[in-house]
All heavy atoms as atom14 arrays in JSON, in Angstrom:
{
  "sequence": "LFVVNSLDSLTRLYTQNIGLTVERLGIGRYVALNWFILFALVLSFQFT",
  "atom14_mask": [
    [1, 1, 1, 1, 1, 1, 1, 1, 0, 0, 0, 0, 0, 0],
    [1, 1, 1, 1, 1, 1, 1, 1, 1, 1, 1, 0, 0, 0],
    [1, 1, 1, 1, 1, 1, 1, 0, 0, 0, 0, 0, 0, 0],
    [1, 1, 1, 1, 1, 1, 1, 0, 0, 0, 0, 0, 0, 0],
    [1, 1, 1, 1, 1, 1, 1, 1, 0, 0, 0, 0, 0, 0],
    [1, 1, 1, 1, 1, 1, 0, 0, 0, 0, 0, 0, 0, 0],
    [1, 1, 1, 1, 1, 1, 1, 1, 0, 0, 0, 0, 0, 0],
    [1, 1, 1, 1, 1, 1, 1, 1, 0, 0, 0, 0, 0, 0],
    [1, 1, 1, 1, 1, 1, 0, 0, 0, 0, 0, 0, 0, 0],
    [1, 1, 1, 1, 1, 1, 1, 1, 0, 0, 0, 0, 0, 0],
    [1, 1, 1, 1, 1, 1, 1, 0, 0, 0, 0, 0, 0, 0],
    [1, 1, 1, 1, 1, 1, 1, 1, 1, 1, 1, 0, 0, 0],
    [1, 1, 1, 1, 1, 1, 1, 1, 0, 0, 0, 0, 0, 0],
    [1, 1, 1, 1, 1, 1, 1, 1, 1, 1, 1, 1, 0, 0],
    [1, 1, 1, 1, 1, 1, 1, 0, 0, 0, 0, 0, 0, 0],
    [1, 1, 1, 1, 1, 1, 1, 1, 1, 0, 0, 0, 0, 0],
    [1, 1, 1, 1, 1, 1, 1, 1, 0, 0, 0, 0, 0, 0],
    [1, 1, 1, 1, 1, 1, 1, 1, 0, 0, 0, 0, 0, 0],
    [1, 1, 1, 1, 0, 0, 0, 0, 0, 0, 0, 0, 0, 0],
    [1, 1, 1, 1, 1, 1, 1, 1, 0, 0, 0, 0, 0, 0],
    [1, 1, 1, 1, 1, 1, 1, 0, 0, 0, 0, 0, 0, 0],
    [1, 1, 1, 1, 1, 1, 1, 0, 0, 0, 0, 0, 0, 0],
    [1, 1, 1, 1, 1, 1, 1, 1, 1, 0, 0, 0, 0, 0],
    [1, 1, 1, 1, 1, 1, 1, 1, 1, 1, 1, 0, 0, 0],
    [1, 1, 1, 1, 1, 1, 1, 1, 0, 0, 0, 0, 0, 0],
    [1, 1, 1, 1, 0, 0, 0, 0, 0, 0, 0, 0, 0, 0],
    [1, 1, 1, 1, 1, 1, 1, 1, 0, 0, 0, 0, 0, 0],
    [1, 1, 1, 1, 0, 0, 0, 0, 0, 0, 0, 0, 0, 0],
    [1, 1, 1, 1, 1, 1, 1, 1, 1, 1, 1, 0, 0, 0],
    [1, 1, 1, 1, 1, 1, 1, 1, 1, 1, 1, 1, 0, 0],
    [1, 1, 1, 1, 1, 1, 1, 0, 0, 0, 0, 0, 0, 0],
    [1, 1, 1, 1, 1, 0, 0, 0, 0, 0, 0, 0, 0, 0],
    [1, 1, 1, 1, 1, 1, 1, 1, 0, 0, 0, 0, 0, 0],
    [1, 1, 1, 1, 1, 1, 1, 1, 0, 0, 0, 0, 0, 0],
    [1, 1, 1, 1, 1, 1, 1, 1, 1, 1, 1, 1, 1, 1],
    [1, 1, 1, 1, 1, 1, 1, 1, 1, 1, 1, 0, 0, 0],
    [1, 1, 1, 1, 1, 1, 1, 1, 0, 0, 0, 0, 0, 0],
    [1, 1, 1, 1, 1, 1, 1, 1, 0, 0, 0, 0, 0, 0],
    [1, 1, 1, 1, 1, 1, 1, 1, 1, 1, 1, 0, 0, 0],
    [1, 1, 1, 1, 1, 0, 0, 0, 0, 0, 0, 0, 0, 0],
    [1, 1, 1, 1, 1, 1, 1, 1, 0, 0, 0, 0, 0, 0],
    [1, 1, 1, 1, 1, 1, 1, 0, 0, 0, 0, 0, 0, 0],
    [1, 1, 1, 1, 1, 1, 1, 1, 0, 0, 0, 0, 0, 0],
    [1, 1, 1, 1, 1, 1, 0, 0, 0, 0, 0, 0, 0, 0],
    [1, 1, 1, 1, 1, 1, 1, 1, 1, 1, 1, 0, 0, 0],
    [1, 1, 1, 1, 1, 1, 1, 1, 1, 0, 0, 0, 0, 0],
    [1, 1, 1, 1, 1, 1, 1, 1, 1, 1, 1, 0, 0, 0],
    [1, 1, 1, 1, 1, 1, 1, 0, 0, 0, 0, 0, 0, 0]
  ],
  "atom14_positions": [
    [[-2.64, 10.82, -11.99], [-1.88, 11.52, -10.95], [-2.69, 11.65, -9.66], [-2.16, 11.52, -8.56], [-1.46, 12.91, -11.44], [-0.25, 12.95, -12.37], [0.0, 14.37, -12.83], [0.99, 12.41, -11.67], [0.0, 0.0, 0.0], [0.0, 0.0, 0.0], [0.0, 0.0, 0.0], [0.0, 0.0, 0.0], [0.0, 0.0, 0.0], [0.0, 0.0, 0.0]],
    [[-4.0, 11.91, -9.8], [-4.85, 12.03, -8.62], [-4.94, 10.69, -7.89], [-4.93, 10.65, -6.66], [-6.25, 12.51, -9.02], [-6.4, 14.01, -9.01], [-5.43, 14.82, -9.56], [-7.52, 14.62, -8.45], [-5.55, 16.2, -9.56], [-7.65, 15.99, -8.44], [-6.66, 16.79, -9.0], [0.0, 0.0, 0.0], [0.0, 0.0, 0.0], [0.0, 0.0, 0.0]],
    [[-5.03, 9.61, -8.66], [-5.07, 8.29, -8.03], [-3.77, 8.02, -7.29], [-3.76, 7.59, -6.12], [-5.32, 7.18, -9.08], [-5.19, 5.8, -8.44], [-6.71, 7.33, -9.69], [0.0, 0.0, 0.0], [0.0, 0.0, 0.0], [0.0, 0.0, 0.0], [0.0, 0.0, 0.0], [0.0, 0.0, 0.0], [0.0, 0.0, 0.0], [0.0, 0.0, 0.0]],
    [[-2.65, 8.28, -7.96], [-1.34, 8.07, -7.33], [-1.21, 8.92, -6.08], [-0.75, 8.47, -5.03], [-0.21, 8.37, -8.34], [1.16, 8.35, -7.63], [-0.22, 7.38, -9.48], [0.0, 0.0, 0.0], [0.0, 0.0, 0.0], [0.0, 0.0, 0.0], [0.0, 0.0, 0.0], [0.0, 0.0, 0.0], [0.0, 0.0, 0.0], [0.0, 0.0, 0.0]],
    [[-1.64, 10.2, -6.19], [-1.55, 11.12, -5.06], [-2.36, 10.64, -3.86], [-1.9, 10.69, -2.71], [-2.06, 12.5, -5.46], [-0.99, 13.56, -5.42], [-0.97, 14.45, -6.24], [-0.09, 13.46, -4.47], [0.0, 0.0, 0.0], [0.0, 0.0, 0.0], [0.0, 0.0, 0.0], [0.0, 0.0, 0.0], [0.0, 0.0, 0.0], [0.0, 0.0, 0.0]],
    [[-3.59, 10.21, -4.13], [-4.42, 9.73, -3.03], [-3.83, 8.48, -2.41], [-3.75, 8.35, -1.18], [-5.84, 9.42, -3.55], [-6.47, 10.57, -4.03], [0.0, 0.0, 0.0], [0.0, 0.0, 0.0], [0.0, 0.0, 0.0], [0.0, 0.0, 0.0], [0.0, 0.0, 0.0], [0.0, 0.0, 0.0], [0.0, 0.0, 0.0], [0.0, 0.0, 0.0]],
    [[-3.42, 7.55, -3.25], [-2.91, 6.28, -2.75], [-1.58, 6.42, -2.02], [-1.35, 5.76, -1.01], [-2.77, 5.28, -3.89], [-4.06, 4.77, -4.53], [-3.74, 3.79, -5.65], [-4.95, 4.1, -3.5], [0.0, 0.0, 0.0], [0.0, 0.0, 0.0], [0.0, 0.0, 0.0], [0.0, 0.0, 0.0], [0.0, 0.0, 0.0], [0.0, 0.0, 0.0]],
    [[-0.69, 7.29, -2.53], [0.62, 7.37, -1.86], [0.49, 8.0, -0.48], [1.12, 7.56, 0.49], [1.67, 8.08, -2.73], [1.43, 9.58, -2.92], [0.43, 10.1, -2.43], [2.27, 10.21, -3.59], [0.0, 0.0, 0.0], [0.0, 0.0, 0.0], [0.0, 0.0, 0.0], [0.0, 0.0, 0.0], [0.0, 0.0, 0.0], [0.0, 0.0, 0.0]],
    [[-0.38, 9.02, -0.35], [-0.58, 9.66, 0.96], [-1.12, 8.66, 1.96], [-0.64, 8.57, 3.11], [-1.55, 10.84, 0.83], [-1.11, 11.77, -0.12], [0.0, 0.0, 0.0], [0.0, 0.0, 0.0], [0.0, 0.0, 0.0], [0.0, 0.0, 0.0], [0.0, 0.0, 0.0], [0.0, 0.0, 0.0], [0.0, 0.0, 0.0], [0.0, 0.0, 0.0]],
    [[-2.13, 7.92, 1.55], [-2.8, 7.02, 2.48], [-2.0, 5.74, 2.73], [-2.05, 5.17, 3.83], [-4.19, 6.7, 1.96], [-5.06, 7.95, 1.76], [-6.43, 7.58, 1.21], [-5.2, 8.74, 3.05], [0.0, 0.0, 0.0], [0.0, 0.0, 0.0], [0.0, 0.0, 0.0], [0.0, 0.0, 0.0], [0.0, 0.0, 0.0], [0.0, 0.0, 0.0]],
    [[-1.25, 5.31, 1.72], [-0.35, 4.18, 1.92], [0.71, 4.54, 2.96], [1.01, 3.74, 3.86], [0.33, 3.76, 0.61], [-0.68, 3.39, -0.34], [1.28, 2.6, 0.82], [0.0, 0.0, 0.0], [0.0, 0.0, 0.0], [0.0, 0.0, 0.0], [0.0, 0.0, 0.0], [0.0, 0.0, 0.0], [0.0, 0.0, 0.0], [0.0, 0.0, 0.0]],
    [[1.23, 5.73, 2.83], [2.23, 6.18, 3.83], [1.61, 6.24, 5.22], [2.24, 5.87, 6.22], [2.78, 7.56, 3.44], [3.9, 8.02, 4.34], [4.63, 9.23, 3.8], [5.73, 9.59, 4.7], [6.92, 9.02, 4.69], [7.19, 8.07, 3.81], [7.85, 9.39, 5.55], [0.0, 0.0, 0.0], [0.0, 0.0, 0.0], [0.0, 0.0, 0.0]],
    [[0.34, 6.66, 5.31], [-0.33, 6.77, 6.6], [-0.53, 5.4, 7.25], [-0.13, 5.18, 8.4], [-1.68, 7.47, 6.42], [-2.54, 7.61, 7.67], [-1.83, 8.43, 8.73], [-3.89, 8.24, 7.31], [0.0, 0.0, 0.0], [0.0, 0.0, 0.0], [0.0, 0.0, 0.0], [0.0, 0.0, 0.0], [0.0, 0.0, 0.0], [0.0, 0.0, 0.0]],
    [[-1.13, 4.45, 6.5], [-1.43, 3.17, 7.16], [-0.17, 2.36, 7.42], [-0.1, 1.6, 8.4], [-2.48, 2.37, 6.38], [-2.02, 1.56, 5.2], [-1.3, 0.39, 5.35], [-2.37, 1.94, 3.9], [-0.89, -0.36, 4.25], [-1.98, 1.19, 2.8], [-1.23, 0.05, 2.98], [-0.83, -0.7, 1.9], [0.0, 0.0, 0.0], [0.0, 0.0, 0.0]],
    [[0.85, 2.49, 6.55], [2.08, 1.73, 6.81], [2.79, 2.24, 8.07], [3.38, 1.44, 8.82], [3.05, 1.8, 5.62], [3.29, 3.16, 5.27], [2.49, 1.05, 4.42], [0.0, 0.0, 0.0], [0.0, 0.0, 0.0], [0.0, 0.0, 0.0], [0.0, 0.0, 0.0], [0.0, 0.0, 0.0], [0.0, 0.0, 0.0], [0.0, 0.0, 0.0]],
    [[2.72, 3.54, 8.32], [3.3, 4.07, 9.55], [2.47, 3.65, 10.76], [3.01, 3.36, 11.83], [3.39, 5.6, 9.48], [4.45, 6.09, 8.5], [4.53, 7.6, 8.44], [3.57, 8.3, 8.73], [5.69, 8.11, 8.06], [0.0, 0.0, 0.0], [0.0, 0.0, 0.0], [0.0, 0.0, 0.0], [0.0, 0.0, 0.0], [0.0, 0.0, 0.0]],
    [[1.14, 3.61, 10.58], [0.26, 3.23, 11.68], [0.48, 1.79, 12.15], [0.4, 1.5, 13.34], [-1.21, 3.38, 11.27], [-1.66, 4.84, 11.23], [-0.95, 5.74, 11.69], [-2.83, 5.07, 10.68], [0.0, 0.0, 0.0], [0.0, 0.0, 0.0], [0.0, 0.0, 0.0], [0.0, 0.0, 0.0], [0.0, 0.0, 0.0], [0.0, 0.0, 0.0]],
    [[0.73, 0.9, 11.19], [0.83, -0.52, 11.57], [2.25, -1.07, 11.47], [2.47, -2.27, 11.65], [-0.12, -1.39, 10.71], [0.21, -1.3, 9.22], [-1.57, -0.99, 10.94], [-0.7, -2.15, 8.33], [0.0, 0.0, 0.0], [0.0, 0.0, 0.0], [0.0, 0.0, 0.0], [0.0, 0.0, 0.0], [0.0, 0.0, 0.0], [0.0, 0.0, 0.0]],
    [[3.2, -0.18, 11.21], [4.6, -0.59, 11.26], [5.15, -1.28, 10.02], [6.23, -1.87, 10.07], [0.0, 0.0, 0.0], [0.0, 0.0, 0.0], [0.0, 0.0, 0.0], [0.0, 0.0, 0.0], [0.0, 0.0, 0.0], [0.0, 0.0, 0.0], [0.0, 0.0, 0.0], [0.0, 0.0, 0.0], [0.0, 0.0, 0.0], [0.0, 0.0, 0.0]],
    [[4.43, -1.2, 8.9], [4.93, -1.81, 7.66], [5.74, -0.78, 6.86], [5.46, -0.48, 5.71], [3.76, -2.34, 6.81], [2.94, -3.46, 7.43], [1.79, -3.84, 6.51], [3.82, -4.68, 7.7], [0.0, 0.0, 0.0], [0.0, 0.0, 0.0], [0.0, 0.0, 0.0], [0.0, 0.0, 0.0], [0.0, 0.0, 0.0], [0.0, 0.0, 0.0]],
    [[6.74, -0.21, 7.5], [7.49, 0.9, 6.92], [8.68, 0.41, 6.1], [9.12, -0.74, 6.21], [7.99, 1.83, 8.02], [8.85, 1.08, 8.9], [6.83, 2.4, 8.83], [0.0, 0.0, 0.0], [0.0, 0.0, 0.0], [0.0, 0.0, 0.0], [0.0, 0.0, 0.0], [0.0, 0.0, 0.0], [0.0, 0.0, 0.0], [0.0, 0.0, 0.0]],
    [[9.22, 1.33, 5.3], [10.42, 1.03, 4.52], [11.57, 0.69, 5.46], [12.36, -0.23, 5.19], [10.79, 2.23, 3.63], [12.12, 1.98, 2.93], [9.69, 2.48, 2.6], [0.0, 0.0, 0.0], [0.0, 0.0, 0.0], [0.0, 0.0, 0.0], [0.0, 0.0, 0.0], [0.0, 0.0, 0.0], [0.0, 0.0, 0.0], [0.0, 0.0, 0.0]],
    [[11.68, 1.45, 6.57], [12.78, 1.24, 7.51], [12.73, -0.17, 8.11], [13.78, -0.78, 8.35], [12.71, 2.28, 8.63], [12.98, 3.71, 8.19], [11.81, 4.35, 7.46], [10.68, 3.81, 7.52], [12.03, 5.39, 6.8], [0.0, 0.0, 0.0], [0.0, 0.0, 0.0], [0.0, 0.0, 0.0], [0.0, 0.0, 0.0], [0.0, 0.0, 0.0]],
    [[11.54, -0.68, 8.32], [11.4, -2.0, 8.94], [11.54, -3.13, 7.92], [12.17, -4.16, 8.19], [10.05, -2.09, 9.64], [9.8, -3.44, 10.3], [8.43, -3.49, 10.93], [8.12, -4.82, 11.44], [6.95, -5.17, 11.92], [5.96, -4.29, 11.98], [6.74, -6.4, 12.35], [0.0, 0.0, 0.0], [0.0, 0.0, 0.0], [0.0, 0.0, 0.0]],
    [[10.95, -2.95, 6.74], [10.87, -4.04, 5.77], [11.96, -4.0, 4.71], [12.27, -5.03, 4.09], [9.5, -4.02, 5.06], [8.26, -4.19, 5.93], [7.0, -4.06, 5.08], [8.28, -5.54, 6.64], [0.0, 0.0, 0.0], [0.0, 0.0, 0.0], [0.0, 0.0, 0.0], [0.0, 0.0, 0.0], [0.0, 0.0, 0.0], [0.0, 0.0, 0.0]],
    [[12.52, -2.81, 4.49], [13.36, -2.64, 3.31], [12.49, -2.28, 2.12], [11.33, -2.7, 2.05], [0.0, 0.0, 0.0], [0.0, 0.0, 0.0], [0.0, 0.0, 0.0], [0.0, 0.0, 0.0], [0.0, 0.0, 0.0], [0.0, 0.0, 0.0], [0.0, 0.0, 0.0], [0.0, 0.0, 0.0], [0.0, 0.0, 0.0], [0.0, 0.0, 0.0]],
    [[13.04, -1.54, 1.19], [12.21, -1.0, 0.12], [11.58, -2.08, -0.76], [10.44, -1.97, -1.21], [13.0, 0.02, -0.73], [12.03, 0.81, -1.63], [14.08, -0.66, -1.55], [12.66, 2.04, -2.25], [0.0, 0.0, 0.0], [0.0, 0.0, 0.0], [0.0, 0.0, 0.0], [0.0, 0.0, 0.0], [0.0, 0.0, 0.0], [0.0, 0.0, 0.0]],
    [[12.31, -3.16, -1.01], [11.8, -4.22, -1.88], [10.57, -4.9, -1.29], [9.53, -5.03, -1.94], [0.0, 0.0, 0.0], [0.0, 0.0, 0.0], [0.0, 0.0, 0.0], [0.0, 0.0, 0.0], [0.0, 0.0, 0.0], [0.0, 0.0, 0.0], [0.0, 0.0, 0.0], [0.0, 0.0, 0.0], [0.0, 0.0, 0.0], [0.0, 0.0, 0.0]],
    [[10.69, -5.36, -0.05], [9.55, -6.03, 0.6], [8.41, -5.05, 0.86], [7.23, -5.44, 0.78], [10.01, -6.69, 1.9], [10.81, -7.96, 1.68], [10.96, -8.75, 2.97], [11.76, -8.0, 3.96], [11.9, -8.39, 5.22], [11.29, -9.48, 5.67], [12.66, -7.69, 6.05], [0.0, 0.0, 0.0], [0.0, 0.0, 0.0], [0.0, 0.0, 0.0]],
    [[8.76, -3.81, 1.2], [7.72, -2.78, 1.42], [6.86, -2.61, 0.16], [5.62, -2.63, 0.22], [8.38, -1.45, 1.78], [7.44, -0.27, 1.83], [6.79, 0.07, 3.01], [7.22, 0.5, 0.7], [5.92, 1.17, 3.05], [6.36, 1.59, 0.73], [5.71, 1.92, 1.91], [4.85, 3.01, 1.93], [0.0, 0.0, 0.0], [0.0, 0.0, 0.0]],
    [[7.51, -2.43, -0.97], [6.78, -2.2, -2.22], [5.97, -3.44, -2.6], [4.78, -3.34, -2.94], [7.76, -1.82, -3.35], [7.03, -1.82, -4.71], [8.36, -0.45, -3.07], [0.0, 0.0, 0.0], [0.0, 0.0, 0.0], [0.0, 0.0, 0.0], [0.0, 0.0, 0.0], [0.0, 0.0, 0.0], [0.0, 0.0, 0.0], [0.0, 0.0, 0.0]],
    [[6.57, -4.61, -2.52], [5.87, -5.84, -2.92], [4.65, -6.11, -2.05], [3.56, -6.41, -2.54], [6.84, -7.02, -2.86], [0.0, 0.0, 0.0], [0.0, 0.0, 0.0], [0.0, 0.0, 0.0], [0.0, 0.0, 0.0], [0.0, 0.0, 0.0], [0.0, 0.0, 0.0], [0.0, 0.0, 0.0], [0.0, 0.0, 0.0], [0.0, 0.0, 0.0]],
    [[4.8, -5.98, -0.72], [3.71, -6.29, 0.19], [2.55, -5.31, 0.04], [1.39, -5.72, -0.07], [4.22, -6.27, 1.63], [3.17, -6.52, 2.72], [2.52, -7.89, 2.55], [3.79, -6.38, 4.11], [0.0, 0.0, 0.0], [0.0, 0.0, 0.0], [0.0, 0.0, 0.0], [0.0, 0.0, 0.0], [0.0, 0.0, 0.0], [0.0, 0.0, 0.0]],
    [[2.85, -4.01, -0.01], [1.78, -3.03, -0.1], [1.12, -3.02, -1.47], [-0.09, -2.78, -1.58], [2.3, -1.64, 0.27], [2.54, -1.51, 1.76], [1.6, -1.49, 2.54], [3.8, -1.46, 2.15], [0.0, 0.0, 0.0], [0.0, 0.0, 0.0], [0.0, 0.0, 0.0], [0.0, 0.0, 0.0], [0.0, 0.0, 0.0], [0.0, 0.0, 0.0]],
    [[1.89, -3.29, -2.51], [1.27, -3.43, -3.84], [0.29, -4.59, -3.83], [-0.84, -4.47, -4.34], [2.33, -3.66, -4.9], [1.71, -3.88, -6.26], [1.33, -2.94, -7.16], [1.34, -5.16, -6.83], [0.76, -3.53, -8.27], [0.75, -4.89, -8.1], [1.46, -6.48, -6.4], [0.28, -5.9, -8.93], [0.99, -7.49, -7.24], [0.41, -7.2, -8.48]],
    [[0.68, -5.71, -3.26], [-0.19, -6.88, -3.22], [-1.46, -6.59, -2.43], [-2.57, -6.93, -2.86], [0.55, -8.07, -2.6], [-0.32, -9.29, -2.44], [-0.61, -10.12, -3.53], [-0.88, -9.6, -1.21], [-1.43, -11.23, -3.38], [-1.71, -10.71, -1.05], [-1.99, -11.53, -2.15], [0.0, 0.0, 0.0], [0.0, 0.0, 0.0], [0.0, 0.0, 0.0]],
    [[-1.34, -5.97, -1.26], [-2.5, -5.66, -0.42], [-3.49, -4.78, -1.17], [-4.7, -5.06, -1.24], [-2.06, -4.98, 0.89], [-1.32, -5.97, 1.79], [-3.26, -4.39, 1.63], [-0.67, -5.32, 3.0], [0.0, 0.0, 0.0], [0.0, 0.0, 0.0], [0.0, 0.0, 0.0], [0.0, 0.0, 0.0], [0.0, 0.0, 0.0], [0.0, 0.0, 0.0]],
    [[-2.98, -3.69, -1.76], [-3.88, -2.72, -2.4], [-4.5, -3.27, -3.68], [-5.7, -3.1, -3.91], [-3.11, -1.43, -2.71], [-2.73, -0.6, -1.48], [-1.88, 0.59, -1.89], [-3.98, -0.13, -0.75], [0.0, 0.0, 0.0], [0.0, 0.0, 0.0], [0.0, 0.0, 0.0], [0.0, 0.0, 0.0], [0.0, 0.0, 0.0], [0.0, 0.0, 0.0]],
    [[-3.71, -3.95, -4.49], [-4.28, -4.45, -5.75], [-5.28, -5.58, -5.49], [-6.31, -5.67, -6.17], [-3.16, -4.94, -6.68], [-3.65, -5.21, -8.08], [-4.23, -4.22, -8.84], [-3.53, -6.48, -8.63], [-4.69, -4.47, -10.13], [-3.98, -6.76, -9.91], [-4.57, -5.73, -10.67], [0.0, 0.0, 0.0], [0.0, 0.0, 0.0], [0.0, 0.0, 0.0]],
    [[-5.01, -6.39, -4.48], [-5.97, -7.44, -4.12], [-7.29, -6.84, -3.67], [-8.37, -7.34, -4.03], [-5.39, -8.32, -3.02], [0.0, 0.0, 0.0], [0.0, 0.0, 0.0], [0.0, 0.0, 0.0], [0.0, 0.0, 0.0], [0.0, 0.0, 0.0], [0.0, 0.0, 0.0], [0.0, 0.0, 0.0], [0.0, 0.0, 0.0], [0.0, 0.0, 0.0]],
    [[-7.23, -5.74, -2.94], [-8.47, -5.09, -2.49], [-9.19, -4.36, -3.63], [-10.41, -4.29, -3.64], [-8.17, -4.13, -1.34], [-7.98, -4.82, 0.02], [-7.44, -3.85, 1.05], [-9.3, -5.42, 0.51], [0.0, 0.0, 0.0], [0.0, 0.0, 0.0], [0.0, 0.0, 0.0], [0.0, 0.0, 0.0], [0.0, 0.0, 0.0], [0.0, 0.0, 0.0]],
    [[-8.43, -3.82, -4.58], [-9.06, -3.26, -5.78], [-9.9, -4.33, -6.47], [-11.05, -4.1, -6.87], [-8.0, -2.7, -6.76], [-8.63, -2.37, -8.11], [-7.35, -1.45, -6.18], [0.0, 0.0, 0.0], [0.0, 0.0, 0.0], [0.0, 0.0, 0.0], [0.0, 0.0, 0.0], [0.0, 0.0, 0.0], [0.0, 0.0, 0.0], [0.0, 0.0, 0.0]],
    [[-9.32, -5.51, -6.59], [-10.05, -6.61, -7.22], [-11.25, -7.04, -6.39], [-12.26, -7.49, -6.94], [-9.1, -7.8, -7.43], [-7.92, -7.56, -8.38], [-7.07, -8.82, -8.52], [-8.39, -7.09, -9.75], [0.0, 0.0, 0.0], [0.0, 0.0, 0.0], [0.0, 0.0, 0.0], [0.0, 0.0, 0.0], [0.0, 0.0, 0.0], [0.0, 0.0, 0.0]],
    [[-11.16, -6.87, -5.06], [-12.3, -7.25, -4.21], [-13.5, -6.35, -4.47], [-14.65, -6.8, -4.41], [-11.9, -7.19, -2.73], [-11.85, -5.86, -2.25], [0.0, 0.0, 0.0], [0.0, 0.0, 0.0], [0.0, 0.0, 0.0], [0.0, 0.0, 0.0], [0.0, 0.0, 0.0], [0.0, 0.0, 0.0], [0.0, 0.0, 0.0], [0.0, 0.0, 0.0]],
    [[-13.27, -5.06, -4.77], [-14.37, -4.18, -5.14], [-14.95, -4.59, -6.49], [-16.15, -4.45, -6.73], [-13.91, -2.72, -5.2], [-13.89, -2.01, -3.87], [-12.69, -1.77, -3.23], [-15.07, -1.59, -3.27], [-12.67, -1.11, -2.0], [-15.06, -0.93, -2.05], [-13.85, -0.69, -1.42], [0.0, 0.0, 0.0], [0.0, 0.0, 0.0], [0.0, 0.0, 0.0]],
    [[-14.1, -5.07, -7.38], [-14.55, -5.45, -8.71], [-15.33, -6.76, -8.71], [-16.33, -6.89, -9.41], [-13.32, -5.59, -9.64], [-13.63, -6.09, -11.04], [-14.32, -5.04, -11.89], [-14.33, -3.87, -11.57], [-14.91, -5.47, -13.0], [0.0, 0.0, 0.0], [0.0, 0.0, 0.0], [0.0, 0.0, 0.0], [0.0, 0.0, 0.0], [0.0, 0.0, 0.0]],
    [[-14.9, -7.73, -7.91], [-15.44, -9.08, -8.04], [-16.25, -9.56, -6.83], [-16.65, -10.72, -6.79], [-14.3, -10.06, -8.31], [-13.59, -9.82, -9.62], [-12.27, -9.39, -9.65], [-14.27, -9.97, -10.83], [-11.62, -9.16, -10.85], [-13.62, -9.73, -12.04], [-12.3, -9.32, -12.05], [0.0, 0.0, 0.0], [0.0, 0.0, 0.0], [0.0, 0.0, 0.0]],
    [[-16.47, -8.7, -5.85], [-17.28, -9.08, -4.69], [-18.32, -7.99, -4.43], [-18.24, -6.91, -5.02], [-16.41, -9.25, -3.41], [-16.02, -7.95, -2.94], [-15.18, -10.1, -3.69], [0.0, 0.0, 0.0], [0.0, 0.0, 0.0], [0.0, 0.0, 0.0], [0.0, 0.0, 0.0], [0.0, 0.0, 0.0], [0.0, 0.0, 0.0], [0.0, 0.0, 0.0]]
  ]
}
């Protein structure tokens, strides 16, 4: 829950900052794009 809480707050912050919002992308593309960005970076900490 703490991980989800931290990530959802900050995901909402950066998506608003750079315009990758639900209103602009639609919920499907919003979820897919931000999931890909975050999970790819999680792997970057693991493997780089």
